Amino acid sequence: ARRRVGAGHLDRLRAALGPTIPVLIVPELFTRATGRRVVTLMAQSIHDELV
């Protein structure tokens, strides 16, 4: 739910700024876990934003 609300705010910001200024959601992982699984989750989240 929080991501949906934030995405709505970013959509309005993107519309106000215009297409020349890129706005991306930078993922933040709320865990103390480390390792391959965490890196994979972060990489997938970044990929989803860029593609």
PDB file of N, CA and C in Angstrom:
ATOM      1  N   ALA A   1       0.822  -1.193   0.000  1.00  0.00           N
ATOM      2  CA  ALA A   1       0.000   0.000   0.000  1.00  0.00           C
ATOM      3  C   ALA A   1       0.865   1.257   0.000  1.00  0.00           C
ATOM      4  N   ARG A   2       1.922   1.237   0.793  1.00  0.00           N
ATOM      5  CA  ARG A   2       2.792   2.415   0.875  1.00  0.00           C
ATOM      6  C   ARG A   2       3.447   2.710  -0.475  1.00  0.00           C
ATOM      7  N   ARG A   3       3.861   1.656  -1.183  1.00  0.00           N
ATOM      8  CA  ARG A   3       4.490   1.859  -2.488  1.00  0.00           C
ATOM      9  C   ARG A   3       3.503   2.457  -3.486  1.00  0.00           C
ATOM     10  N   ARG A   4       2.231   2.004  -3.435  1.00  0.00           N
ATOM     11  CA  ARG A   4       1.213   2.553  -4.335  1.00  0.00           C
ATOM     12  C   ARG A   4       1.006   4.044  -4.088  1.00  0.00           C
ATOM     13  N   VAL A   5       0.944   4.425  -2.829  1.00  0.00           N
ATOM     14  CA  VAL A   5       0.768   5.839  -2.488  1.00  0.00           C
ATOM     15  C   VAL A   5       1.969   6.640  -2.988  1.00  0.00           C
ATOM     16  N   GLY A   6       3.164   6.137  -2.708  1.00  0.00           N
ATOM     17  CA  GLY A   6       4.378   6.816  -3.165  1.00  0.00           C
ATOM     18  C   GLY A   6       4.447   6.902  -4.680  1.00  0.00           C
ATOM     19  N   ALA A   7       4.022   5.851  -5.354  1.00  0.00           N
ATOM     20  CA  ALA A   7       4.035   5.839  -6.822  1.00  0.00           C
ATOM     21  C   ALA A   7       3.095   6.910  -7.366  1.00  0.00           C
ATOM     22  N   GLY A   8       1.959   7.099  -6.713  1.00  0.00           N
ATOM     23  CA  GLY A   8       1.025   8.151  -7.141  1.00  0.00           C
ATOM     24  C   GLY A   8       1.647   9.532  -7.009  1.00  0.00           C
ATOM     25  N   HIS A   9       2.350   9.779  -5.900  1.00  0.00           N
ATOM     26  CA  HIS A   9       3.034  11.061  -5.710  1.00  0.00           C
ATOM     27  C   HIS A   9       4.109  11.255  -6.776  1.00  0.00           C
ATOM     28  N   LEU A  10       4.864  10.187  -7.061  1.00  0.00           N
ATOM     29  CA  LEU A  10       5.915  10.294  -8.078  1.00  0.00           C
ATOM     30  C   LEU A  10       5.339  10.514  -9.468  1.00  0.00           C
ATOM     31  N   ASP A  11       4.194   9.927  -9.750  1.00  0.00           N
ATOM     32  CA  ASP A  11       3.549  10.164 -11.048  1.00  0.00           C
ATOM     33  C   ASP A  11       3.218  11.646 -11.223  1.00  0.00           C
ATOM     34  N   ARG A  12       2.694  12.259 -10.171  1.00  0.00           N
ATOM     35  CA  ARG A  12       2.378  13.693 -10.241  1.00  0.00           C
ATOM     36  C   ARG A  12       3.657  14.525 -10.375  1.00  0.00           C
ATOM     37  N   LEU A  13       4.700  14.132  -9.661  1.00  0.00           N
ATOM     38  CA  LEU A  13       5.979  14.840  -9.759  1.00  0.00           C
ATOM     39  C   LEU A  13       6.554  14.714 -11.164  1.00  0.00           C
ATOM     40  N   ARG A  14       6.523  13.509 -11.714  1.00  0.00           N
ATOM     41  CA  ARG A  14       7.022  13.297 -13.085  1.00  0.00           C
ATOM     42  C   ARG A  14       6.266  14.163 -14.081  1.00  0.00           C
ATOM     43  N   ALA A  15       4.948  14.232 -13.926  1.00  0.00           N
ATOM     44  CA  ALA A  15       4.128  15.034 -14.843  1.00  0.00           C
ATOM     45  C   ALA A  15       4.484  16.519 -14.720  1.00  0.00           C
ATOM     46  N   ALA A  16       4.736  16.989 -13.513  1.00  0.00           N
ATOM     47  CA  ALA A  16       5.059  18.396 -13.300  1.00  0.00           C
ATOM     48  C   ALA A  16       6.450  18.744 -13.825  1.00  0.00           C
ATOM     49  N   LEU A  17       7.397  17.813 -13.713  1.00  0.00           N
ATOM     50  CA  LEU A  17       8.764  18.079 -14.146  1.00  0.00           C
ATOM     51  C   LEU A  17       8.935  17.979 -15.654  1.00  0.00           C
ATOM     52  N   GLY A  18       8.119  17.174 -16.292  1.00  0.00           N
ATOM     53  CA  GLY A  18       8.253  16.975 -17.726  1.00  0.00           C
ATOM     54  C   GLY A  18       9.177  15.819 -18.047  1.00  0.00           C
ATOM     55  N   PRO A  19       9.227  15.458 -19.311  1.00  0.00           N
ATOM     56  CA  PRO A  19       9.974  14.259 -19.713  1.00  0.00           C
ATOM     57  C   PRO A  19      11.491  14.416 -19.728  1.00  0.00           C
ATOM     58  N   THR A  20      11.997  15.629 -19.587  1.00  0.00           N
ATOM     59  CA  THR A  20      13.451  15.812 -19.679  1.00  0.00           C
ATOM     60  C   THR A  20      14.186  15.474 -18.390  1.00  0.00           C
ATOM     61  N   ILE A  21      13.458  15.384 -17.272  1.00  0.00           N
ATOM     62  CA  ILE A  21      14.086  15.068 -15.985  1.00  0.00           C
ATOM     63  C   ILE A  21      13.579  13.710 -15.509  1.00  0.00           C
ATOM     64  N   PRO A  22      14.436  12.686 -15.517  1.00  0.00           N
ATOM     65  CA  PRO A  22      13.989  11.355 -15.074  1.00  0.00           C
ATOM     66  C   PRO A  22      13.814  11.294 -13.558  1.00  0.00           C
ATOM     67  N   VAL A  23      12.765  10.614 -13.124  1.00  0.00           N
ATOM     68  CA  VAL A  23      12.505  10.390 -11.700  1.00  0.00           C
ATOM     69  C   VAL A  23      12.333   8.888 -11.513  1.00  0.00           C
ATOM     70  N   LEU A  24      13.152   8.297 -10.664  1.00  0.00           N
ATOM     71  CA  LEU A  24      13.108   6.864 -10.427  1.00  0.00           C
ATOM     72  C   LEU A  24      12.849   6.577  -8.960  1.00  0.00           C
ATOM     73  N   ILE A  25      12.204   5.456  -8.700  1.00  0.00           N
ATOM     74  CA  ILE A  25      12.043   4.989  -7.328  1.00  0.00           C
ATOM     75  C   ILE A  25      13.300   4.210  -6.981  1.00  0.00           C
ATOM     76  N   VAL A  26      13.993   4.652  -5.952  1.00  0.00           N
ATOM     77  CA  VAL A  26      15.183   3.953  -5.494  1.00  0.00           C
ATOM     78  C   VAL A  26      14.751   2.994  -4.386  1.00  0.00           C
ATOM     79  N   PRO A  27      14.950   1.702  -4.609  1.00  0.00           N
ATOM     80  CA  PRO A  27      14.482   0.737  -3.620  1.00  0.00           C
ATOM     81  C   PRO A  27      15.291   0.810  -2.330  1.00  0.00           C
ATOM     82  N   GLU A  28      14.608   0.524  -1.236  1.00  0.00           N
ATOM     83  CA  GLU A  28      15.269   0.433   0.054  1.00  0.00           C
ATOM     84  C   GLU A  28      14.824  -0.874   0.688  1.00  0.00           C
ATOM     85  N   LEU A  29      15.765  -1.631   1.114  1.00  0.00           N
ATOM     86  CA  LEU A  29      15.467  -2.940   1.681  1.00  0.00           C
ATOM     87  C   LEU A  29      15.498  -2.847   3.200  1.00  0.00           C
ATOM     88  N   PHE A  30      14.380  -3.145   3.834  1.00  0.00           N
ATOM     89  CA  PHE A  30      14.273  -3.051   5.284  1.00  0.00           C
ATOM     90  C   PHE A  30      14.547  -4.415   5.910  1.00  0.00           C
ATOM     91  N   THR A  31      15.804  -4.786   5.892  1.00  0.00           N
ATOM     92  CA  THR A  31      16.208  -6.057   6.485  1.00  0.00           C
ATOM     93  C   THR A  31      17.671  -5.972   6.857  1.00  0.00           C
ATOM     94  N   ARG A  32      18.032  -6.780   7.806  1.00  0.00           N
ATOM     95  CA  ARG A  32      19.451  -6.856   8.159  1.00  0.00           C
ATOM     96  C   ARG A  32      20.104  -8.037   7.457  1.00  0.00           C
ATOM     97  N   ALA A  33      19.344  -8.731   6.662  1.00  0.00           N
ATOM     98  CA  ALA A  33      19.872  -9.891   5.945  1.00  0.00           C
ATOM     99  C   ALA A  33      20.883  -9.438   4.897  1.00  0.00           C
ATOM    100  N   THR A  34      21.804 -10.317   4.610  1.00  0.00           N
ATOM    101  CA  THR A  34      22.795 -10.061   3.568  1.00  0.00           C
ATOM    102  C   THR A  34      22.916 -11.320   2.719  1.00  0.00           C
ATOM    103  N   GLY A  35      23.629 -11.200   1.653  1.00  0.00           N
ATOM    104  CA  GLY A  35      23.899 -12.373   0.835  1.00  0.00           C
ATOM    105  C   GLY A  35      23.253 -12.300  -0.539  1.00  0.00           C
ATOM    106  N   ARG A  36      23.335 -13.409  -1.216  1.00  0.00           N
ATOM    107  CA  ARG A  36      22.910 -13.504  -2.604  1.00  0.00           C
ATOM    108  C   ARG A  36      21.432 -13.160  -2.803  1.00  0.00           C
ATOM    109  N   ARG A  37      20.578 -13.627  -1.919  1.00  0.00           N
ATOM    110  CA  ARG A  37      19.139 -13.362  -2.045  1.00  0.00           C
ATOM    111  C   ARG A  37      18.835 -11.867  -1.966  1.00  0.00           C
ATOM    112  N   VAL A  38      19.483 -11.167  -1.048  1.00  0.00           N
ATOM    113  CA  VAL A  38      19.280  -9.733  -0.896  1.00  0.00           C
ATOM    114  C   VAL A  38      19.761  -8.990  -2.133  1.00  0.00           C
ATOM    115  N   VAL A  39      20.921  -9.355  -2.638  1.00  0.00           N
ATOM    116  CA  VAL A  39      21.447  -8.722  -3.850  1.00  0.00           C
ATOM    117  C   VAL A  39      20.500  -8.961  -5.022  1.00  0.00           C
ATOM    118  N   THR A  40      19.972 -10.168  -5.136  1.00  0.00           N
ATOM    119  CA  THR A  40      19.035 -10.489  -6.212  1.00  0.00           C
ATOM    120  C   THR A  40      17.768  -9.647  -6.105  1.00  0.00           C
ATOM    121  N   LEU A  41      17.226  -9.498  -4.894  1.00  0.00           N
ATOM    122  CA  LEU A  41      16.025  -8.677  -4.697  1.00  0.00           C
ATOM    123  C   LEU A  41      16.264  -7.216  -5.077  1.00  0.00           C
ATOM    124  N   MET A  42      17.388  -6.672  -4.651  1.00  0.00           N
ATOM    125  CA  MET A  42      17.709  -5.279  -4.979  1.00  0.00           C
ATOM    126  C   MET A  42      17.927  -5.113  -6.477  1.00  0.00           C
ATOM    127  N   ALA A  43      18.644  -6.037  -7.085  1.00  0.00           N
ATOM    128  CA  ALA A  43      18.897  -5.955  -8.522  1.00  0.00           C
ATOM    129  C   ALA A  43      17.590  -6.027  -9.312  1.00  0.00           C
ATOM    130  N   GLN A  44      16.690  -6.885  -8.912  1.00  0.00           N
ATOM    131  CA  GLN A  44      15.411  -7.002  -9.606  1.00  0.00           C
ATOM    132  C   GLN A  44      14.586  -5.723  -9.459  1.00  0.00           C
ATOM    133  N   SER A  45      14.604  -5.147  -8.286  1.00  0.00           N
ATOM    134  CA  SER A  45      13.856  -3.908  -8.048  1.00  0.00           C
ATOM    135  C   SER A  45      14.410  -2.763  -8.893  1.00  0.00           C
ATOM    136  N   ILE A  46      15.711  -2.643  -8.960  1.00  0.00           N
ATOM    137  CA  ILE A  46      16.333  -1.611  -9.791  1.00  0.00           C
ATOM    138  C   ILE A  46      16.034  -1.869 -11.258  1.00  0.00           C
ATOM    139  N   HIS A  47      16.122  -3.109 -11.684  1.00  0.00           N
ATOM    140  CA  HIS A  47      15.807  -3.469 -13.073  1.00  0.00           C
ATOM    141  C   HIS A  47      14.373  -3.072 -13.422  1.00  0.00           C
ATOM    142  N   ASP A  48      13.441  -3.352 -12.518  1.00  0.00           N
ATOM    143  CA  ASP A  48      12.035  -3.018 -12.763  1.00  0.00           C
ATOM    144  C   ASP A  48      11.831  -1.519 -12.953  1.00  0.00           C
ATOM    145  N   GLU A  49      12.616  -0.710 -12.255  1.00  0.00           N
ATOM    146  CA  GLU A  49      12.496   0.741 -12.387  1.00  0.00           C
ATOM    147  C   GLU A  49      13.089   1.239 -13.699  1.00  0.00           C
ATOM    148  N   LEU A  50      14.161   0.618 -14.147  1.00  0.00           N
ATOM    149  CA  LEU A  50      14.860   1.110 -15.336  1.00  0.00           C
ATOM    150  C   LEU A  50      14.282   0.603 -16.641  1.00  0.00           C
ATOM    151  N   VAL A  51      13.587  -0.513 -16.597  1.00  0.00           N
ATOM    152  CA  VAL A  51      13.057  -1.101 -17.841  1.00  0.00           C
ATOM    153  C   VAL A  51      11.628  -0.723 -18.060  1.00  0.00           C
TER     154      VAL A  51
END
